[in-house]
C-alpha atoms as a PDB file:
ATOM      1  CA  MET A   1       0.000   0.000   0.000  1.00  0.00           C
ATOM      2  CA  THR A   2       1.389   3.364  -0.989  1.00  0.00           C
ATOM      3  CA  ASN A   3       1.566   6.421   1.243  1.00  0.00           C
ATOM      4  CA  LYS A   4      -1.085   8.055  -0.912  1.00  0.00           C
ATOM      5  CA  GLU A   5      -3.494   5.153  -0.328  1.00  0.00           C
ATOM      6  CA  VAL A   6      -2.857   5.245   3.396  1.00  0.00           C
ATOM      7  CA  LYS A   7      -3.559   8.961   3.487  1.00  0.00           C
ATOM      8  CA  GLU A   8      -6.789   8.538   1.514  1.00  0.00           C
ATOM      9  CA  ARG A   9      -7.930   5.884   3.965  1.00  0.00           C
ATOM     10  CA  GLN A  10      -7.120   8.109   6.916  1.00  0.00           C
ATOM     11  CA  ASP A  11      -9.038  10.984   5.344  1.00  0.00           C
ATOM     12  CA  LYS A  12     -12.058   8.720   4.817  1.00  0.00           C
ATOM     13  CA  LEU A  13     -11.911   7.617   8.441  1.00  0.00           C
ATOM     14  CA  VAL A  14     -11.603  11.201   9.638  1.00  0.00           C
ATOM     15  CA  ASP A  15     -14.666  12.143   7.584  1.00  0.00           C
ATOM     16  CA  MET A  16     -16.651   9.182   8.942  1.00  0.00           C
ATOM     17  CA  ILE A  17     -15.788  10.003  12.541  1.00  0.00           C
ATOM     18  CA  ASP A  18     -16.527  13.652  11.883  1.00  0.00           C
ATOM     19  CA  SER A  19     -20.029  12.950  10.587  1.00  0.00           C
ATOM     20  CA  LEU A  20     -20.633  10.514  13.451  1.00  0.00           C
ATOM     21  CA  ALA A  21     -19.645  13.204  15.921  1.00  0.00           C
ATOM     22  CA  LYS A  22     -22.080  15.610  14.263  1.00  0.00           C
ATOM     23  CA  LYS A  23     -24.903  13.053  14.534  1.00  0.00           C
ATOM     24  CA  ILE A  24     -24.107  12.500  18.201  1.00  0.00           C
ATOM     25  CA  ASN A  25     -24.093  16.250  18.790  1.00  0.00           C
ATOM     26  CA  ASN A  26     -27.462  16.632  17.089  1.00  0.00           C
ATOM     27  CA  ASN A  27     -29.004  13.892  19.214  1.00  0.00           C
ATOM     28  CA  SER A  28     -27.623  14.908  22.575  1.00  0.00           C
ATOM     29  CA  LYS A  29     -28.198  17.824  24.878  1.00  0.00           C
ATOM     30  CA  GLU A  30     -24.555  17.995  25.846  1.00  0.00           C
ATOM     31  CA  LYS A  31     -22.216  18.920  23.051  1.00  0.00           C
ATOM     32  CA  PHE A  32     -19.133  16.846  22.470  1.00  0.00           C
ATOM     33  CA  ASP A  33     -16.204  18.672  21.014  1.00  0.00           C
ATOM     34  CA  ILE A  34     -14.405  16.232  18.773  1.00  0.00           C
ATOM     35  CA  LYS A  35     -11.673  17.665  16.637  1.00  0.00           C
ATOM     36  CA  LEU A  36      -9.296  15.580  14.609  1.00  0.00           C
ATOM     37  CA  LYS A  37      -6.116  16.870  13.127  1.00  0.00           C
ATOM     38  CA  ARG A  38      -5.378  15.866   9.593  1.00  0.00           C
ATOM     39  CA  VAL A  39      -1.827  14.704   9.231  1.00  0.00           C
END
């Protein structure tokens, strides 16, 4: 697996977690602050 492929996978994961965090925030009264740094 090339570095480019690894990075694309990481970006996909970051996006998935990001949208999950948004869903959680929308469904809960308490806000969770989840920030991921892109490498």
